[in-house]
Amino acid sequence: MTLWSGRFSAAMDETLWNLSESYSFDRVLYAHDIEGSMAHVRGLEAAGLLSSEECVTLLDTLETIKGEFDADTFERRDSDEDIHMAIERRATELAGAVGAKIHTSRSRNDQVATTLRLFTRDALSEIARHALALVDTLVAVGEKNAEAYLPGYTHLQRAQPVLLSHHLQAHAWSLLRDVDRIFDARRRLNVSPLGAGALAGTSLPILPEVTAALLGFDETFANSMDAVSDRDFVAESLFDIALLGIHMSRMGEELVLWTTSEFNFATLGDDFTTGSSMLPHKKNSDVAELARGKSGRLVGNLTSLLVTLKGLPLSYNRDLQEDKEPLFDSVKQVLLVLAAMNGAYQSMTFRVDVAAAAADDQLLVAIDIAERLVADGMPFRQAHEVAGGLVGRAVRENKSLADVVAEEPTLAHCGDLFERGAALANRRSPGSSGPSASAVQSARLQERIAALTARL
């Protein structure tokens, strides 16, 4: 028998039950549901709706139930449609008539909304913690290879040399924006829906501000209908997770390229690569490919929820049950990717000489020639034309750019640009990729990391 069977003369058909039940996946909410229920019980006592003895009995009962879940000894009954009903049913079994009071002035609508906010709040903090750990690893790899540099690319064509630390810090900055967005989403979701009831509140003298404070919410709901139907916080969280996943997908794509024989800029440790069932020589960067592949799943989960939400009238609708599996899956998958990518970068060996040789491609000096001419007073567009003409000659005549420049008496002062690492050293503007600018950027990055870490 369900907890709402009084109105009905027949049991739920098996096909509807199979469609309706959510215990199979919302069981993961048990700790947060119990946390919310314990605050609700204390709120009922504060409002005079439970005696102190009844409050103690219910709190002890909920602790017992949590222990059963923690020990994996909780027994689901056939009537347990979801985790919330399962916990209430068990509380009534253990505490009798007092247990039957646990749902006073509460609907599953505000209960579910509260539980899901508590889960999401903790999940976002955990994701932010893992993202900051990955940022720390990117910084550490750059510091470990402080002198290493490689070509920076546009259109996947060599463009200009950049320090490895600069390249990795570019990814770090994008991850820090992800963390910042996650914290903003966490702040916005930190509103308690408990007390909204089914949709219109209750006639009982409850104290929503008490339960909100007990659960660490910043404030209580302003509108009961909005409180039970709002899933903006889930959609926003899924967006933040999806964008984080996309950033790691880009990182994965680079690791795939860097570890090919064609690039040969890096290798990953054996513990973060796989082999082939057929080809004995293969060492595959599957960790990076999976990071890339998971991003589609994360985007799909976001899209799934948005489509679910788009046509719902106020207030609560059962469609909202479809918010949980995408959220649970995205949280699980992004944490897996964050941990694996962290380990992959820690295992990486960067081939400094190979990357430097690619970055010292003489054609990458063309912009430096143009800028040297600009410093001499030549208009940039004219200087660009001159440098482009030199590159064209070198390509057509199958000569090195250095040799072509050496043949031009007016460019004698540009010969030093072809010295090893010179093009990298010339990148001196604020925020640029050269050594002289790296210290300031690193300091700014550390300040940002410290600020976001403090927000945890």
Protein backbone atom coordinates (compact mmCIF):
# COMPACT_ATOMS: atom_id res chain seq x y z
CA MET A 1 0.00 0.00 0.00
CA THR A 2 1.34 3.42 -0.93
CA LEU A 3 1.36 6.41 1.38
CA TRP A 4 -1.35 8.07 -0.71
CA SER A 5 -3.72 5.13 -1.28
CA GLY A 6 -6.70 6.46 0.70
CA ARG A 7 -8.30 8.10 -2.31
CA PHE A 8 -8.03 5.03 -4.53
CA SER A 9 -9.98 1.78 -4.80
CA ALA A 10 -7.43 -0.10 -6.93
CA ALA A 11 -3.69 -0.58 -6.76
CA MET A 12 -1.44 0.99 -9.33
CA ASP A 13 -1.14 -1.06 -12.50
CA GLU A 14 2.24 -2.73 -12.91
CA THR A 15 2.97 -0.87 -16.14
CA LEU A 16 2.31 2.47 -14.46
CA TRP A 17 4.36 1.43 -11.47
CA ASN A 18 7.31 0.56 -13.70
CA LEU A 19 6.99 3.94 -15.39
CA SER A 20 6.46 5.83 -12.16
CA GLU A 21 8.88 4.39 -9.65
CA SER A 22 12.11 6.31 -9.11
CA TYR A 23 13.66 4.51 -6.13
CA SER A 24 15.93 2.64 -8.51
CA PHE A 25 17.81 5.86 -9.24
CA ASP A 26 16.86 8.41 -6.56
CA ARG A 27 18.12 6.14 -3.78
CA VAL A 28 21.36 8.13 -3.97
CA LEU A 29 19.48 11.00 -2.33
CA TYR A 30 18.93 9.15 0.94
CA ALA A 31 21.44 11.13 3.03
CA HIS A 32 20.17 14.48 1.77
CA ASP A 33 16.53 13.46 2.21
CA ILE A 34 17.22 12.42 5.80
CA GLU A 35 19.09 15.67 6.39
CA GLY A 36 16.09 17.62 5.14
CA SER A 37 13.68 15.49 7.17
CA MET A 38 15.65 16.04 10.37
CA ALA A 39 15.51 19.79 9.85
CA HIS A 40 11.80 19.50 9.12
CA VAL A 41 11.27 17.62 12.38
CA ARG A 42 13.14 20.28 14.34
CA GLY A 43 11.07 22.93 12.59
CA LEU A 44 7.86 21.16 13.61
CA GLU A 45 9.04 21.15 17.21
CA ALA A 46 9.92 24.85 17.03
CA ALA A 47 6.43 25.55 15.69
CA GLY A 48 4.81 23.56 18.49
CA LEU A 49 3.57 20.85 16.15
CA LEU A 50 5.71 18.17 17.78
CA SER A 51 6.62 17.69 21.43
CA SER A 52 10.26 17.53 22.45
CA GLU A 53 9.89 13.80 23.11
CA GLU A 54 8.39 13.23 19.67
CA CYS A 55 11.17 15.26 18.08
CA VAL A 56 13.85 13.19 19.80
CA THR A 57 12.12 9.96 18.79
CA LEU A 58 11.93 11.01 15.13
CA LEU A 59 15.51 12.25 15.03
CA ASP A 60 16.77 8.98 16.53
CA THR A 61 14.62 7.07 14.05
CA LEU A 62 16.03 8.98 11.11
CA GLU A 63 19.57 8.34 12.37
CA THR A 64 18.75 4.64 12.52
CA ILE A 65 17.44 4.68 8.96
CA LYS A 66 20.53 6.52 7.75
CA GLY A 67 22.66 3.86 9.41
CA GLU A 68 20.76 1.17 7.54
CA PHE A 69 21.43 2.91 4.23
CA ASP A 70 25.07 3.53 5.10
CA ALA A 71 25.50 -0.15 5.91
CA ASP A 72 23.50 -1.16 2.84
CA THR A 73 21.03 -3.10 4.98
CA PHE A 74 17.94 -1.01 4.25
CA GLU A 75 15.20 -3.24 2.83
CA ARG A 76 12.99 -1.74 0.18
CA ARG A 77 9.32 -2.69 0.28
CA ASP A 78 7.17 -3.23 -2.80
CA SER A 79 5.26 -0.04 -1.94
CA ASP A 80 8.37 2.17 -1.89
CA GLU A 81 7.85 4.27 -4.99
CA ASP A 82 10.76 6.60 -4.31
CA ILE A 83 13.42 7.25 -1.70
CA HIS A 84 11.25 9.80 0.10
CA MET A 85 8.32 7.41 0.59
CA ALA A 86 10.70 4.61 1.56
CA ILE A 87 12.21 6.66 4.37
CA GLU A 88 8.82 7.81 5.64
CA ARG A 89 7.46 4.26 5.51
CA ARG A 90 10.43 2.99 7.50
CA ALA A 91 10.12 5.81 10.03
CA THR A 92 6.51 4.85 10.64
CA GLU A 93 7.50 1.20 11.07
CA LEU A 94 10.12 2.10 13.65
CA ALA A 95 8.34 4.90 15.51
CA GLY A 96 4.69 3.98 15.06
CA ALA A 97 2.22 6.84 15.40
CA VAL A 98 5.02 9.33 16.01
CA GLY A 99 6.61 8.28 12.71
CA ALA A 100 3.34 9.03 10.97
CA LYS A 101 3.75 12.68 12.02
CA ILE A 102 6.96 13.19 10.07
CA HIS A 103 5.15 14.44 6.96
CA THR A 104 3.11 17.06 8.83
CA SER A 105 2.80 20.29 6.77
CA ARG A 106 5.04 18.81 4.07
CA SER A 107 4.41 17.54 0.55
CA ARG A 108 6.68 15.40 -1.54
CA ASN A 109 6.77 18.46 -3.82
CA ASP A 110 8.63 20.71 -1.39
CA GLN A 111 10.44 17.70 0.10
CA VAL A 112 11.87 16.63 -3.25
CA ALA A 113 12.80 20.19 -4.16
CA THR A 114 14.64 20.59 -0.86
CA THR A 115 16.43 17.26 -1.11
CA LEU A 116 17.54 17.93 -4.66
CA ARG A 117 18.87 21.37 -3.75
CA LEU A 118 20.89 19.86 -0.91
CA PHE A 119 22.29 17.18 -3.23
CA THR A 120 23.11 19.68 -5.97
CA ARG A 121 24.74 22.08 -3.54
CA ASP A 122 27.10 19.39 -2.27
CA ALA A 123 27.73 18.05 -5.78
CA LEU A 124 28.70 21.46 -7.12
CA SER A 125 31.13 21.95 -4.25
CA GLU A 126 32.70 18.56 -5.00
CA ILE A 127 33.00 19.36 -8.71
CA ALA A 128 34.59 22.72 -7.93
CA ARG A 129 37.06 21.01 -5.60
CA HIS A 130 38.11 18.55 -8.31
CA ALA A 131 38.34 21.30 -10.93
CA LEU A 132 40.64 23.33 -8.69
CA ALA A 133 42.77 20.23 -8.18
CA LEU A 134 43.12 19.91 -11.95
CA VAL A 135 44.11 23.58 -12.15
CA ASP A 136 46.81 22.94 -9.54
CA THR A 137 48.11 20.06 -11.63
CA LEU A 138 48.24 22.15 -14.81
CA VAL A 139 50.23 24.79 -12.96
CA ALA A 140 52.55 22.17 -11.49
CA VAL A 141 53.26 20.59 -14.88
CA GLY A 142 54.12 24.01 -16.28
CA GLU A 143 56.44 24.75 -13.38
CA LYS A 144 58.09 21.34 -13.73
CA ASN A 145 58.85 22.19 -17.38
CA ALA A 146 59.52 25.88 -16.81
CA GLU A 147 61.75 26.35 -19.88
CA ALA A 148 59.69 24.21 -22.25
CA TYR A 149 57.97 25.81 -25.20
CA LEU A 150 56.01 24.67 -28.23
CA PRO A 151 54.17 26.14 -31.19
CA GLY A 152 50.91 27.87 -30.44
CA TYR A 153 48.31 27.14 -33.10
CA THR A 154 45.51 28.88 -34.89
CA HIS A 155 43.46 26.84 -37.39
CA LEU A 156 45.69 23.96 -36.18
CA GLN A 157 48.53 25.60 -38.12
CA ARG A 158 51.72 26.73 -36.39
CA ALA A 159 51.35 30.37 -35.42
CA GLN A 160 53.75 31.58 -32.70
CA PRO A 161 55.89 29.95 -30.01
CA VAL A 162 54.46 29.82 -26.49
CA LEU A 163 55.74 28.58 -23.17
CA LEU A 164 54.22 25.26 -22.13
CA SER A 165 53.26 26.88 -18.84
CA HIS A 166 51.45 29.63 -20.75
CA HIS A 167 49.57 27.05 -22.80
CA LEU A 168 48.51 25.03 -19.76
CA GLN A 169 47.55 28.17 -17.87
CA ALA A 170 45.20 29.06 -20.71
CA HIS A 171 43.29 25.89 -19.83
CA ALA A 172 43.57 26.76 -16.14
CA TRP A 173 41.88 30.13 -16.70
CA SER A 174 38.96 28.46 -18.49
CA LEU A 175 38.57 25.97 -15.63
CA LEU A 176 38.62 28.82 -13.11
CA ARG A 177 35.76 30.46 -14.98
CA ASP A 178 33.92 27.14 -14.69
CA VAL A 179 34.51 27.12 -10.95
CA ASP A 180 33.32 30.71 -10.68
CA ARG A 181 30.13 29.84 -12.56
CA ILE A 182 29.61 26.81 -10.34
CA PHE A 183 29.86 28.96 -7.23
CA ASP A 184 27.39 31.45 -8.70
CA ALA A 185 24.95 28.62 -9.43
CA ARG A 186 25.45 27.29 -5.92
CA ARG A 187 24.66 30.71 -4.47
CA ARG A 188 21.46 31.02 -6.50
CA LEU A 189 20.20 27.55 -5.58
CA ASN A 190 20.75 28.09 -1.88
CA VAL A 191 17.10 28.96 -1.21
CA SER A 192 14.94 26.67 0.93
CA PRO A 193 11.67 25.42 -0.63
CA LEU A 194 10.69 23.60 2.58
CA GLY A 195 7.32 24.83 3.77
CA ALA A 196 5.84 25.45 0.34
CA GLY A 197 3.81 22.26 0.65
CA ALA A 198 2.21 20.85 -2.47
CA LEU A 199 2.02 24.30 -4.07
CA ALA A 200 0.14 26.74 -1.83
CA GLY A 201 1.66 26.39 1.62
CA THR A 202 -0.22 25.16 4.69
CA SER A 203 -2.69 26.36 7.31
CA LEU A 204 -0.40 25.08 10.08
CA PRO A 205 1.87 27.58 11.91
CA ILE A 206 5.18 26.41 10.45
CA LEU A 207 8.49 28.31 10.59
CA PRO A 208 10.26 27.98 7.22
CA GLU A 209 13.06 30.27 8.36
CA VAL A 210 13.99 27.76 11.07
CA THR A 211 14.42 24.85 8.68
CA ALA A 212 16.24 27.07 6.18
CA ALA A 213 18.80 28.05 8.82
CA LEU A 214 19.23 24.46 9.98
CA LEU A 215 19.97 23.34 6.41
CA GLY A 216 22.39 26.17 5.69
CA PHE A 217 20.19 27.90 3.14
CA ASP A 218 20.69 31.63 2.74
CA GLU A 219 16.98 32.39 2.60
CA THR A 220 13.51 30.88 2.31
CA PHE A 221 11.28 30.79 -0.75
CA ALA A 222 9.20 33.88 -1.57
CA ASN A 223 6.51 32.14 -3.65
CA SER A 224 5.26 28.65 -2.85
CA MET A 225 4.33 27.78 -6.45
CA ASP A 226 7.74 28.81 -7.71
CA ALA A 227 9.42 26.91 -4.88
CA VAL A 228 8.01 23.52 -5.87
CA SER A 229 8.23 23.95 -9.65
CA ASP A 230 11.58 25.70 -10.07
CA ARG A 231 14.31 23.59 -11.60
CA ASP A 232 16.42 26.47 -12.86
CA PHE A 233 19.11 25.38 -10.44
CA VAL A 234 19.30 21.95 -12.08
CA ALA A 235 19.40 23.40 -15.59
CA GLU A 236 22.06 25.92 -14.58
CA SER A 237 24.13 23.23 -12.90
CA LEU A 238 23.88 21.01 -15.96
CA PHE A 239 25.00 23.90 -18.15
CA ASP A 240 27.98 24.61 -15.92
CA ILE A 241 28.92 20.93 -15.92
CA ALA A 242 28.49 20.71 -19.70
CA LEU A 243 30.74 23.71 -20.31
CA LEU A 244 33.32 22.30 -17.91
CA GLY A 245 33.11 19.06 -19.88
CA ILE A 246 33.61 20.93 -23.15
CA HIS A 247 36.73 22.60 -21.77
CA MET A 248 38.11 19.21 -20.77
CA SER A 249 37.17 17.88 -24.19
CA ARG A 250 39.40 20.54 -25.76
CA MET A 251 42.18 19.54 -23.39
CA GLY A 252 41.64 15.91 -24.33
CA GLU A 253 41.82 16.73 -28.03
CA GLU A 254 45.21 18.36 -27.49
CA LEU A 255 46.54 15.40 -25.54
CA VAL A 256 45.40 13.12 -28.36
CA LEU A 257 47.35 15.26 -30.83
CA TRP A 258 50.40 15.78 -28.66
CA THR A 259 50.82 12.04 -28.04
CA THR A 260 50.64 11.00 -31.69
CA SER A 261 53.84 10.01 -33.50
CA GLU A 262 53.18 12.92 -35.85
CA PHE A 263 53.33 15.54 -33.09
CA ASN A 264 55.35 13.56 -30.53
CA PHE A 265 55.26 16.43 -28.03
CA ALA A 266 54.31 14.23 -25.08
CA THR A 267 53.64 10.76 -23.78
CA LEU A 268 51.26 9.69 -21.04
CA GLY A 269 52.16 7.17 -18.38
CA ASP A 270 51.39 3.52 -18.96
CA ASP A 271 48.83 3.73 -16.16
CA PHE A 272 46.85 6.29 -18.16
CA THR A 273 47.01 4.64 -21.58
CA THR A 274 45.65 1.48 -23.13
CA GLY A 275 46.79 -1.07 -25.69
CA SER A 276 45.25 -2.78 -28.66
CA SER A 277 43.63 -6.21 -28.68
CA MET A 278 45.28 -6.82 -32.07
CA LEU A 279 48.24 -4.50 -32.56
CA PRO A 280 51.04 -5.18 -30.06
CA HIS A 281 52.80 -1.85 -30.56
CA LYS A 282 49.87 0.43 -29.76
CA LYS A 283 49.79 2.86 -26.82
CA ASN A 284 46.51 4.75 -26.96
CA SER A 285 45.58 7.92 -25.08
CA ASP A 286 42.08 6.65 -24.33
CA VAL A 287 41.78 8.83 -21.25
CA ALA A 288 41.87 11.92 -23.46
CA GLU A 289 39.49 10.43 -25.99
CA LEU A 290 36.98 9.55 -23.29
CA ALA A 291 37.22 13.06 -21.86
CA ARG A 292 36.42 14.31 -25.34
CA GLY A 293 33.59 11.82 -25.80
CA LYS A 294 31.90 12.43 -22.44
CA SER A 295 31.25 16.06 -23.37
CA GLY A 296 28.51 14.98 -25.78
CA ARG A 297 26.81 13.08 -22.98
CA LEU A 298 26.95 16.13 -20.70
CA VAL A 299 25.48 18.39 -23.38
CA GLY A 300 22.78 15.78 -24.00
CA ASN A 301 21.79 15.73 -20.33
CA LEU A 302 21.40 19.51 -20.36
CA THR A 303 19.33 19.41 -23.54
CA SER A 304 17.15 16.64 -22.13
CA LEU A 305 16.18 18.70 -19.10
CA LEU A 306 15.59 21.90 -21.04
CA VAL A 307 13.20 20.09 -23.37
CA THR A 308 11.41 18.60 -20.35
CA LEU A 309 10.98 22.02 -18.73
CA LYS A 310 9.92 24.03 -21.73
CA GLY A 311 6.21 23.18 -21.76
CA LEU A 312 5.34 22.75 -18.08
CA PRO A 313 2.50 24.81 -16.59
CA LEU A 314 2.67 25.86 -12.94
CA SER A 315 3.20 24.35 -10.58
CA TYR A 316 4.56 20.86 -9.90
CA ASN A 317 4.24 18.26 -12.67
CA ARG A 318 5.48 14.67 -12.60
CA ASP A 319 7.62 15.47 -15.63
CA LEU A 320 10.01 17.00 -13.11
CA GLN A 321 11.00 13.49 -12.04
CA GLU A 322 13.06 13.53 -15.24
CA ASP A 323 15.42 16.11 -13.72
CA LYS A 324 17.25 13.58 -11.58
CA GLU A 325 18.84 11.02 -13.86
CA PRO A 326 20.48 13.66 -16.11
CA LEU A 327 21.78 15.47 -13.03
CA PHE A 328 23.04 12.33 -11.31
CA ASP A 329 24.70 11.15 -14.50
CA SER A 330 26.37 14.47 -15.28
CA VAL A 331 27.73 14.79 -11.74
CA LYS A 332 29.11 11.26 -11.85
CA GLN A 333 30.63 11.57 -15.32
CA VAL A 334 32.26 14.95 -14.83
CA LEU A 335 33.86 13.82 -11.57
CA LEU A 336 35.23 10.75 -13.35
CA VAL A 337 36.68 12.88 -16.14
CA LEU A 338 38.17 15.45 -13.76
CA ALA A 339 39.94 12.77 -11.74
CA ALA A 340 41.20 10.90 -14.82
CA MET A 341 42.45 14.04 -16.58
CA ASN A 342 44.21 15.12 -13.41
CA GLY A 343 46.03 11.82 -13.30
CA ALA A 344 46.81 11.92 -17.02
CA TYR A 345 48.53 15.30 -16.78
CA GLN A 346 50.45 14.17 -13.72
CA SER A 347 51.68 11.14 -15.68
CA MET A 348 52.66 13.19 -18.76
CA THR A 349 56.22 13.40 -19.97
CA PHE A 350 56.74 16.44 -22.19
CA ARG A 351 59.28 16.05 -25.00
CA VAL A 352 60.95 19.41 -24.61
CA ASP A 353 63.37 19.15 -27.56
CA VAL A 354 60.75 17.94 -30.03
CA ALA A 355 58.33 20.71 -29.11
CA ALA A 356 61.06 23.37 -29.18
CA ALA A 357 62.21 22.26 -32.62
CA ALA A 358 58.68 22.69 -33.92
CA ALA A 359 58.35 26.08 -32.24
CA ASP A 360 61.64 27.26 -33.76
CA ASP A 361 60.18 26.90 -37.26
CA GLN A 362 61.69 29.91 -39.04
CA LEU A 363 58.41 30.89 -40.66
CA LEU A 364 57.10 31.74 -37.20
CA VAL A 365 59.57 34.63 -37.14
CA ALA A 366 57.71 36.46 -39.91
CA ILE A 367 55.62 38.49 -37.46
CA ASP A 368 58.77 39.47 -35.56
CA ILE A 369 60.31 40.79 -38.77
CA ALA A 370 57.17 42.82 -39.42
CA GLU A 371 57.16 44.19 -35.89
CA ARG A 372 60.88 45.08 -36.11
CA LEU A 373 60.06 47.12 -39.20
CA VAL A 374 57.14 48.73 -37.38
CA ALA A 375 59.52 49.70 -34.59
CA ASP A 376 61.64 51.36 -37.31
CA GLY A 377 58.64 53.49 -38.28
CA MET A 378 57.13 51.51 -41.13
CA PRO A 379 53.27 51.25 -41.17
CA PHE A 380 52.18 47.80 -40.07
CA ARG A 381 50.27 46.90 -43.22
CA GLN A 382 53.37 47.70 -45.30
CA ALA A 383 55.59 45.76 -42.90
CA HIS A 384 53.19 42.82 -43.11
CA GLU A 385 53.50 42.90 -46.91
CA VAL A 386 57.28 42.94 -46.75
CA ALA A 387 57.43 40.00 -44.30
CA GLY A 388 54.89 38.04 -46.34
CA GLY A 389 56.96 38.61 -49.46
CA LEU A 390 60.02 37.22 -47.72
CA VAL A 391 58.11 34.11 -46.70
CA GLY A 392 56.84 33.72 -50.25
CA ARG A 393 60.37 33.89 -51.62
CA ALA A 394 61.62 31.34 -49.11
CA VAL A 395 58.86 28.90 -50.05
CA ARG A 396 59.19 29.38 -53.80
CA GLU A 397 62.98 29.20 -53.83
CA ASN A 398 63.15 26.41 -51.27
CA LYS A 399 65.36 28.47 -48.99
CA SER A 400 65.28 29.10 -45.29
CA LEU A 401 63.68 32.36 -44.24
CA ALA A 402 66.92 33.27 -42.45
CA ASP A 403 68.86 32.99 -45.72
CA VAL A 404 66.34 35.12 -47.58
CA VAL A 405 66.48 37.81 -44.90
CA ALA A 406 70.30 37.70 -44.93
CA GLU A 407 70.22 38.56 -48.62
CA GLU A 408 68.42 41.84 -47.87
CA PRO A 409 70.89 44.56 -46.71
CA THR A 410 68.05 46.64 -45.25
CA LEU A 411 67.15 43.73 -42.93
CA ALA A 412 70.59 43.14 -41.45
CA HIS A 413 69.24 44.15 -38.03
CA CYS A 414 66.76 41.25 -38.14
CA GLY A 415 69.29 38.42 -38.13
CA ASP A 416 69.13 37.95 -34.38
CA LEU A 417 65.44 37.05 -34.66
CA PHE A 418 66.42 33.59 -35.89
CA GLU A 419 68.41 32.67 -32.80
CA ARG A 420 66.98 29.75 -30.83
CA GLY A 421 64.12 30.90 -28.63
CA ALA A 422 64.29 34.51 -29.83
CA ALA A 423 60.75 34.58 -31.17
CA LEU A 424 59.48 33.33 -27.82
CA ALA A 425 61.50 35.89 -25.88
CA ASN A 426 60.06 38.68 -28.03
CA ARG A 427 56.57 38.01 -26.68
CA ARG A 428 56.79 40.63 -23.94
CA SER A 429 53.36 42.34 -23.83
CA PRO A 430 51.19 41.86 -20.71
CA GLY A 431 49.53 38.46 -20.69
CA SER A 432 51.63 37.21 -23.59
CA SER A 433 53.40 33.89 -23.99
CA GLY A 434 57.00 34.91 -23.38
CA PRO A 435 59.16 34.39 -20.28
CA SER A 436 59.19 38.04 -19.21
CA ALA A 437 55.39 38.14 -19.01
CA SER A 438 54.95 34.78 -17.31
CA ALA A 439 55.71 35.89 -13.75
CA VAL A 440 52.93 38.46 -13.68
CA GLN A 441 50.45 36.04 -15.18
CA SER A 442 51.42 33.31 -12.74
CA ALA A 443 50.91 35.69 -9.83
CA ARG A 444 47.47 36.68 -11.11
CA LEU A 445 46.56 33.04 -11.59
CA GLN A 446 47.60 32.15 -8.05
CA GLU A 447 45.54 35.02 -6.68
CA ARG A 448 42.51 33.76 -8.56
CA ILE A 449 43.07 30.18 -7.41
CA ALA A 450 43.38 31.33 -3.80
CA ALA A 451 40.20 33.43 -4.03
CA LEU A 452 38.15 30.59 -5.47
CA THR A 453 39.60 28.04 -3.07
CA ALA A 454 38.60 30.30 -0.20
CA ARG A 455 35.01 30.25 -1.47
CA LEU A 456 34.89 26.51 -0.90
